[in-house]
């Protein structure tokens, strides 16, 4: 049974790990600009307002024009699927969870696009909502979460030993580790951390949420 369940388990969300917050923020801007210049549209997604505001400020400073999405509407799907380097910012909770919502089919020949989740939530369902959203939209999407050792969640479980392992794998300022092995390790650590969640009180930042809701 365990062997069969291994094949049925949910794919792990790819995670890019940066050495610090500054590198992570610069990396996000670089990835979005690269998408835009290739004509690939992208959605930058955060779980909390503070991270979304920071991302908007960083993108604006780099001259990136973007649209902040308070709630997803049917009209946004063709814009995203049509390419053209569209950049949108959204909170994860503003995204629909299924095609039964305001998501509608766009043109059959949709362009590739990307979803960049800029912080990892402790609750797996919150992260999975972003993946589900990507799956119901037309076209092929690259979905990736980013984090760093400065992230409040990473500080809860990334010991100095973990950091030394990452450095041994070649992690340097200005670069990210993108490895299935690391993504699986982060997923396992998040699952253990989620067991410490005692409530789900609202917050404006990830650090504040952890302070209010972790036992």
C-alpha atoms as a PDB file:
ATOM      1  CA  UNK A   1       0.000   0.000   0.000  1.00  0.00           C
ATOM      2  CA  UNK A   2       2.809   2.359   0.871  1.00  0.00           C
ATOM      3  CA  UNK A   3       4.564   1.635  -2.410  1.00  0.00           C
ATOM      4  CA  UNK A   4       1.425   2.366  -4.440  1.00  0.00           C
ATOM      5  CA  UNK A   5       0.727   5.536  -2.482  1.00  0.00           C
ATOM      6  CA  UNK A   6       4.193   6.775  -3.461  1.00  0.00           C
ATOM      7  CA  UNK A   7       3.017   6.899  -7.092  1.00  0.00           C
ATOM      8  CA  UNK A   8      -0.250   8.626  -6.182  1.00  0.00           C
ATOM      9  CA  UNK A   9       1.180  11.333  -3.988  1.00  0.00           C
ATOM     10  CA  UNK A  10       0.752  14.933  -5.040  1.00  0.00           C
ATOM     11  CA  UNK A  11       3.643  16.486  -6.983  1.00  0.00           C
ATOM     12  CA  UNK A  12       5.882  18.710  -4.912  1.00  0.00           C
ATOM     13  CA  UNK A  13       5.669  22.432  -5.568  1.00  0.00           C
ATOM     14  CA  UNK A  14       8.996  23.544  -7.114  1.00  0.00           C
ATOM     15  CA  UNK A  15      10.830  25.921  -4.777  1.00  0.00           C
ATOM     16  CA  UNK A  16      13.721  28.239  -5.604  1.00  0.00           C
ATOM     17  CA  UNK A  17      15.795  28.950  -2.487  1.00  0.00           C
ATOM     18  CA  UNK A  18      17.857  32.139  -2.270  1.00  0.00           C
ATOM     19  CA  UNK A  19      20.513  32.860   0.313  1.00  0.00           C
ATOM     20  CA  UNK A  20      18.888  36.076   1.580  1.00  0.00           C
ATOM     21  CA  UNK A  21      15.858  38.327   1.088  1.00  0.00           C
ATOM     22  CA  UNK A  22      17.737  40.839  -1.040  1.00  0.00           C
ATOM     23  CA  UNK A  23      18.789  38.160  -3.510  1.00  0.00           C
ATOM     24  CA  UNK A  24      15.272  36.737  -3.542  1.00  0.00           C
ATOM     25  CA  UNK A  25      13.710  40.100  -4.333  1.00  0.00           C
ATOM     26  CA  UNK A  26      16.230  40.827  -7.076  1.00  0.00           C
ATOM     27  CA  UNK A  27      15.720  37.336  -8.465  1.00  0.00           C
ATOM     28  CA  UNK A  28      11.973  37.822  -8.670  1.00  0.00           C
ATOM     29  CA  UNK A  29      12.397  41.048 -10.624  1.00  0.00           C
ATOM     30  CA  UNK A  30      14.911  39.369 -12.925  1.00  0.00           C
ATOM     31  CA  UNK A  31      12.606  36.423 -13.600  1.00  0.00           C
ATOM     32  CA  UNK A  32       9.587  38.641 -14.304  1.00  0.00           C
ATOM     33  CA  UNK A  33      11.602  40.891 -16.612  1.00  0.00           C
ATOM     34  CA  UNK A  34      12.950  37.837 -18.458  1.00  0.00           C
ATOM     35  CA  UNK A  35       9.399  36.525 -18.889  1.00  0.00           C
ATOM     36  CA  UNK A  36       8.173  39.883 -20.123  1.00  0.00           C
ATOM     37  CA  UNK A  37      11.009  40.256 -22.617  1.00  0.00           C
ATOM     38  CA  UNK A  38      10.200  36.804 -24.041  1.00  0.00           C
ATOM     39  CA  UNK A  39       6.547  37.737 -24.389  1.00  0.00           C
ATOM     40  CA  UNK A  40       5.548  35.412 -21.539  1.00  0.00           C
ATOM     41  CA  UNK A  41       2.879  36.758 -19.212  1.00  0.00           C
ATOM     42  CA  UNK A  42       3.248  36.174 -15.489  1.00  0.00           C
ATOM     43  CA  UNK A  43       1.333  36.384 -12.229  1.00  0.00           C
ATOM     44  CA  UNK A  44       3.197  37.297  -9.056  1.00  0.00           C
ATOM     45  CA  UNK A  45       1.306  35.815  -6.104  1.00  0.00           C
ATOM     46  CA  UNK A  46       1.678  36.468  -2.370  1.00  0.00           C
ATOM     47  CA  UNK A  47      -0.214  35.150   0.624  1.00  0.00           C
ATOM     48  CA  UNK A  48      -0.012  38.429   2.558  1.00  0.00           C
ATOM     49  CA  UNK A  49      -0.390  42.108   1.687  1.00  0.00           C
ATOM     50  CA  UNK A  50       3.051  43.135   2.929  1.00  0.00           C
ATOM     51  CA  UNK A  51       4.858  40.832   0.491  1.00  0.00           C
ATOM     52  CA  UNK A  52       2.652  41.876  -2.427  1.00  0.00           C
ATOM     53  CA  UNK A  53       3.268  45.577  -1.731  1.00  0.00           C
ATOM     54  CA  UNK A  54       7.018  44.967  -1.547  1.00  0.00           C
ATOM     55  CA  UNK A  55       6.971  43.067  -4.835  1.00  0.00           C
ATOM     56  CA  UNK A  56       5.063  45.896  -6.485  1.00  0.00           C
ATOM     57  CA  UNK A  57       7.590  48.439  -5.266  1.00  0.00           C
ATOM     58  CA  UNK A  58      10.513  46.343  -6.520  1.00  0.00           C
ATOM     59  CA  UNK A  59       8.926  45.813  -9.935  1.00  0.00           C
ATOM     60  CA  UNK A  60       7.996  49.485 -10.274  1.00  0.00           C
ATOM     61  CA  UNK A  61      11.577  50.494  -9.400  1.00  0.00           C
ATOM     62  CA  UNK A  62      12.760  48.273 -12.258  1.00  0.00           C
ATOM     63  CA  UNK A  63      10.345  49.943 -14.672  1.00  0.00           C
ATOM     64  CA  UNK A  64       7.985  46.972 -14.900  1.00  0.00           C
ATOM     65  CA  UNK A  65       4.380  47.912 -15.626  1.00  0.00           C
ATOM     66  CA  UNK A  66       1.922  45.642 -13.847  1.00  0.00           C
ATOM     67  CA  UNK A  67      -1.734  45.287 -12.881  1.00  0.00           C
ATOM     68  CA  UNK A  68      -2.769  44.549  -9.302  1.00  0.00           C
ATOM     69  CA  UNK A  69      -5.679  42.106  -9.273  1.00  0.00           C
ATOM     70  CA  UNK A  70      -8.149  42.559  -6.380  1.00  0.00           C
ATOM     71  CA  UNK A  71     -10.217  39.612  -7.653  1.00  0.00           C
ATOM     72  CA  UNK A  72      -9.878  37.460 -10.736  1.00  0.00           C
ATOM     73  CA  UNK A  73     -12.391  38.081 -13.513  1.00  0.00           C
ATOM     74  CA  UNK A  74     -13.129  36.243 -16.727  1.00  0.00           C
ATOM     75  CA  UNK A  75     -11.653  39.070 -18.807  1.00  0.00           C
ATOM     76  CA  UNK A  76      -8.196  38.502 -17.321  1.00  0.00           C
ATOM     77  CA  UNK A  77      -7.822  34.963 -18.631  1.00  0.00           C
ATOM     78  CA  UNK A  78      -7.494  35.866 -22.343  1.00  0.00           C
ATOM     79  CA  UNK A  79      -5.018  38.619 -21.414  1.00  0.00           C
ATOM     80  CA  UNK A  80      -2.831  36.134 -19.592  1.00  0.00           C
ATOM     81  CA  UNK A  81      -3.130  33.315 -22.106  1.00  0.00           C
ATOM     82  CA  UNK A  82      -2.566  35.639 -25.027  1.00  0.00           C
ATOM     83  CA  UNK A  83       1.027  36.386 -24.098  1.00  0.00           C
ATOM     84  CA  UNK A  84       2.518  39.805 -24.679  1.00  0.00           C
ATOM     85  CA  UNK A  85       4.451  39.938 -21.426  1.00  0.00           C
ATOM     86  CA  UNK A  86       1.509  40.913 -19.223  1.00  0.00           C
ATOM     87  CA  UNK A  87       2.425  41.160 -15.517  1.00  0.00           C
ATOM     88  CA  UNK A  88      -0.209  40.801 -12.794  1.00  0.00           C
ATOM     89  CA  UNK A  89       0.034  40.853  -9.001  1.00  0.00           C
ATOM     90  CA  UNK A  90      -2.485  39.045  -6.832  1.00  0.00           C
ATOM     91  CA  UNK A  91      -3.051  37.696  -3.358  1.00  0.00           C
ATOM     92  CA  UNK A  92      -3.454  33.926  -3.347  1.00  0.00           C
ATOM     93  CA  UNK A  93      -6.879  34.131  -1.713  1.00  0.00           C
ATOM     94  CA  UNK A  94      -8.128  36.296  -4.609  1.00  0.00           C
ATOM     95  CA  UNK A  95      -7.524  33.502  -7.107  1.00  0.00           C
ATOM     96  CA  UNK A  96     -10.399  31.137  -7.961  1.00  0.00           C
ATOM     97  CA  UNK A  97      -9.927  27.527  -6.885  1.00  0.00           C
ATOM     98  CA  UNK A  98     -11.632  25.858  -9.828  1.00  0.00           C
ATOM     99  CA  UNK A  99     -12.803  26.412 -13.377  1.00  0.00           C
ATOM    100  CA  UNK A 100     -16.334  26.658 -12.030  1.00  0.00           C
ATOM    101  CA  UNK A 101     -15.554  30.195 -10.874  1.00  0.00           C
ATOM    102  CA  UNK A 102     -14.853  33.213 -13.085  1.00  0.00           C
ATOM    103  CA  UNK A 103     -12.133  31.424 -15.058  1.00  0.00           C
ATOM    104  CA  UNK A 104     -13.206  30.924 -18.668  1.00  0.00           C
ATOM    105  CA  UNK A 105     -11.547  29.201 -21.595  1.00  0.00           C
ATOM    106  CA  UNK A 106      -9.401  31.472 -23.719  1.00  0.00           C
ATOM    107  CA  UNK A 107      -8.238  30.915 -27.270  1.00  0.00           C
ATOM    108  CA  UNK A 108      -7.346  27.328 -28.027  1.00  0.00           C
ATOM    109  CA  UNK A 109      -3.783  28.290 -28.897  1.00  0.00           C
ATOM    110  CA  UNK A 110      -2.754  29.834 -25.598  1.00  0.00           C
ATOM    111  CA  UNK A 111       0.751  31.110 -24.987  1.00  0.00           C
ATOM    112  CA  UNK A 112       2.886  29.806 -22.088  1.00  0.00           C
ATOM    113  CA  UNK A 113       2.786  31.845 -18.892  1.00  0.00           C
ATOM    114  CA  UNK A 114       4.222  31.685 -15.390  1.00  0.00           C
ATOM    115  CA  UNK A 115       3.077  31.860 -11.777  1.00  0.00           C
ATOM    116  CA  UNK A 116       5.616  33.080  -9.211  1.00  0.00           C
ATOM    117  CA  UNK A 117       4.589  32.476  -5.607  1.00  0.00           C
ATOM    118  CA  UNK A 118       6.837  34.795  -3.613  1.00  0.00           C
ATOM    119  CA  UNK A 119       6.337  33.283  -0.159  1.00  0.00           C
ATOM    120  CA  UNK A 120       5.560  29.856   1.237  1.00  0.00           C
ATOM    121  CA  UNK A 121       2.632  29.489   3.590  1.00  0.00           C
ATOM    122  CA  UNK A 122       2.831  26.962   6.421  1.00  0.00           C
ATOM    123  CA  UNK A 123      -0.568  25.595   5.418  1.00  0.00           C
ATOM    124  CA  UNK A 124      -0.258  23.287   2.431  1.00  0.00           C
ATOM    125  CA  UNK A 125      -3.779  24.126   1.214  1.00  0.00           C
ATOM    126  CA  UNK A 126      -2.815  27.784   0.777  1.00  0.00           C
ATOM    127  CA  UNK A 127       0.141  26.893  -1.438  1.00  0.00           C
ATOM    128  CA  UNK A 128      -1.867  24.274  -3.309  1.00  0.00           C
ATOM    129  CA  UNK A 129      -4.513  26.864  -4.162  1.00  0.00           C
ATOM    130  CA  UNK A 130      -1.959  28.593  -6.370  1.00  0.00           C
ATOM    131  CA  UNK A 131      -1.103  25.353  -8.166  1.00  0.00           C
ATOM    132  CA  UNK A 132      -4.793  24.564  -8.662  1.00  0.00           C
ATOM    133  CA  UNK A 133      -5.374  27.986 -10.170  1.00  0.00           C
ATOM    134  CA  UNK A 134      -2.539  27.439 -12.634  1.00  0.00           C
ATOM    135  CA  UNK A 135      -3.947  24.050 -13.611  1.00  0.00           C
ATOM    136  CA  UNK A 136      -7.410  25.324 -14.563  1.00  0.00           C
ATOM    137  CA  UNK A 137      -6.244  28.114 -16.830  1.00  0.00           C
ATOM    138  CA  UNK A 138      -5.608  27.372 -20.519  1.00  0.00           C
ATOM    139  CA  UNK A 139      -2.092  26.926 -21.804  1.00  0.00           C
ATOM    140  CA  UNK A 140       1.013  25.634 -20.086  1.00  0.00           C
ATOM    141  CA  UNK A 141       2.169  27.350 -16.924  1.00  0.00           C
ATOM    142  CA  UNK A 142       5.453  27.268 -15.065  1.00  0.00           C
ATOM    143  CA  UNK A 143       4.661  27.408 -11.336  1.00  0.00           C
ATOM    144  CA  UNK A 144       7.430  28.141  -8.867  1.00  0.00           C
ATOM    145  CA  UNK A 145       7.610  29.293  -5.263  1.00  0.00           C
ATOM    146  CA  UNK A 146      10.547  31.317  -3.976  1.00  0.00           C
ATOM    147  CA  UNK A 147      11.992  31.648  -0.494  1.00  0.00           C
ATOM    148  CA  UNK A 148      15.233  32.510   1.275  1.00  0.00           C
ATOM    149  CA  UNK A 149      16.943  31.828   4.575  1.00  0.00           C
ATOM    150  CA  UNK A 150      15.676  35.239   5.727  1.00  0.00           C
ATOM    151  CA  UNK A 151      12.068  34.112   5.252  1.00  0.00           C
ATOM    152  CA  UNK A 152      10.113  33.735   8.531  1.00  0.00           C
ATOM    153  CA  UNK A 153       9.035  30.199   7.593  1.00  0.00           C
ATOM    154  CA  UNK A 154      12.557  29.095   6.673  1.00  0.00           C
ATOM    155  CA  UNK A 155      13.875  30.446   9.972  1.00  0.00           C
ATOM    156  CA  UNK A 156      11.500  28.058  11.763  1.00  0.00           C
ATOM    157  CA  UNK A 157      13.216  24.937  10.401  1.00  0.00           C
ATOM    158  CA  UNK A 158      16.323  25.798   8.366  1.00  0.00           C
ATOM    159  CA  UNK A 159      19.077  25.078  10.868  1.00  0.00           C
ATOM    160  CA  UNK A 160      22.712  26.084  10.307  1.00  0.00           C
ATOM    161  CA  UNK A 161      23.272  22.502   9.111  1.00  0.00           C
ATOM    162  CA  UNK A 162      20.658  22.972   6.390  1.00  0.00           C
ATOM    163  CA  UNK A 163      22.258  26.237   5.345  1.00  0.00           C
ATOM    164  CA  UNK A 164      25.670  24.557   5.165  1.00  0.00           C
ATOM    165  CA  UNK A 165      24.153  21.849   2.953  1.00  0.00           C
ATOM    166  CA  UNK A 166      22.722  24.493   0.626  1.00  0.00           C
ATOM    167  CA  UNK A 167      26.059  26.278   0.433  1.00  0.00           C
ATOM    168  CA  UNK A 168      27.716  22.959  -0.371  1.00  0.00           C
ATOM    169  CA  UNK A 169      25.235  22.557  -3.232  1.00  0.00           C
ATOM    170  CA  UNK A 170      26.516  25.843  -4.628  1.00  0.00           C
ATOM    171  CA  UNK A 171      24.106  28.438  -3.239  1.00  0.00           C
ATOM    172  CA  UNK A 172      25.627  31.925  -3.594  1.00  0.00           C
ATOM    173  CA  UNK A 173      24.342  35.511  -3.281  1.00  0.00           C
ATOM    174  CA  UNK A 174      22.481  36.399  -6.452  1.00  0.00           C
ATOM    175  CA  UNK A 175      21.788  32.756  -7.315  1.00  0.00           C
ATOM    176  CA  UNK A 176      19.038  30.306  -6.382  1.00  0.00           C
ATOM    177  CA  UNK A 177      19.069  26.589  -5.804  1.00  0.00           C
ATOM    178  CA  UNK A 178      16.430  24.922  -7.960  1.00  0.00           C
ATOM    179  CA  UNK A 179      16.476  21.237  -7.134  1.00  0.00           C
ATOM    180  CA  UNK A 180      13.726  18.602  -6.796  1.00  0.00           C
ATOM    181  CA  UNK A 181      15.586  17.248  -3.770  1.00  0.00           C
ATOM    182  CA  UNK A 182      15.506  20.648  -2.057  1.00  0.00           C
ATOM    183  CA  UNK A 183      11.844  21.174  -2.993  1.00  0.00           C
ATOM    184  CA  UNK A 184      10.956  17.833  -1.395  1.00  0.00           C
ATOM    185  CA  UNK A 185      12.952  18.688   1.719  1.00  0.00           C
ATOM    186  CA  UNK A 186      11.126  22.017   2.062  1.00  0.00           C
ATOM    187  CA  UNK A 187       7.757  20.289   1.585  1.00  0.00           C
ATOM    188  CA  UNK A 188       8.545  17.783   4.346  1.00  0.00           C
ATOM    189  CA  UNK A 189       9.644  20.556   6.705  1.00  0.00           C
ATOM    190  CA  UNK A 190       6.489  22.548   5.996  1.00  0.00           C
ATOM    191  CA  UNK A 191       4.338  19.495   6.714  1.00  0.00           C
ATOM    192  CA  UNK A 192       5.951  19.128  10.143  1.00  0.00           C
ATOM    193  CA  UNK A 193       5.593  22.842  10.812  1.00  0.00           C
ATOM    194  CA  UNK A 194       1.906  22.779   9.855  1.00  0.00           C
ATOM    195  CA  UNK A 195       1.216  20.445  12.783  1.00  0.00           C
ATOM    196  CA  UNK A 196       2.093  23.336  15.070  1.00  0.00           C
ATOM    197  CA  UNK A 197      -0.635  25.581  13.659  1.00  0.00           C
ATOM    198  CA  UNK A 198      -3.156  26.282  16.391  1.00  0.00           C
ATOM    199  CA  UNK A 199      -5.391  28.805  14.626  1.00  0.00           C
ATOM    200  CA  UNK A 200      -5.715  30.840  11.447  1.00  0.00           C
ATOM    201  CA  UNK A 201      -5.952  34.407  12.684  1.00  0.00           C
ATOM    202  CA  UNK A 202      -5.674  37.037   9.942  1.00  0.00           C
ATOM    203  CA  UNK A 203      -2.424  38.926   9.466  1.00  0.00           C
ATOM    204  CA  UNK A 204      -0.843  41.345   7.007  1.00  0.00           C
ATOM    205  CA  UNK A 205       2.528  39.588   6.835  1.00  0.00           C
ATOM    206  CA  UNK A 206       3.851  36.060   7.051  1.00  0.00           C
ATOM    207  CA  UNK A 207       5.906  36.848  10.141  1.00  0.00           C
ATOM    208  CA  UNK A 208       2.852  38.241  11.905  1.00  0.00           C
ATOM    209  CA  UNK A 209       0.789  35.187  10.928  1.00  0.00           C
ATOM    210  CA  UNK A 210       3.414  32.828  12.370  1.00  0.00           C
ATOM    211  CA  UNK A 211       3.557  34.828  15.586  1.00  0.00           C
ATOM    212  CA  UNK A 212      -0.233  34.625  16.037  1.00  0.00           C
ATOM    213  CA  UNK A 213      -0.891  31.088  14.855  1.00  0.00           C
ATOM    214  CA  UNK A 214       2.025  28.765  15.617  1.00  0.00           C
ATOM    215  CA  UNK A 215       2.000  26.878  18.902  1.00  0.00           C
END
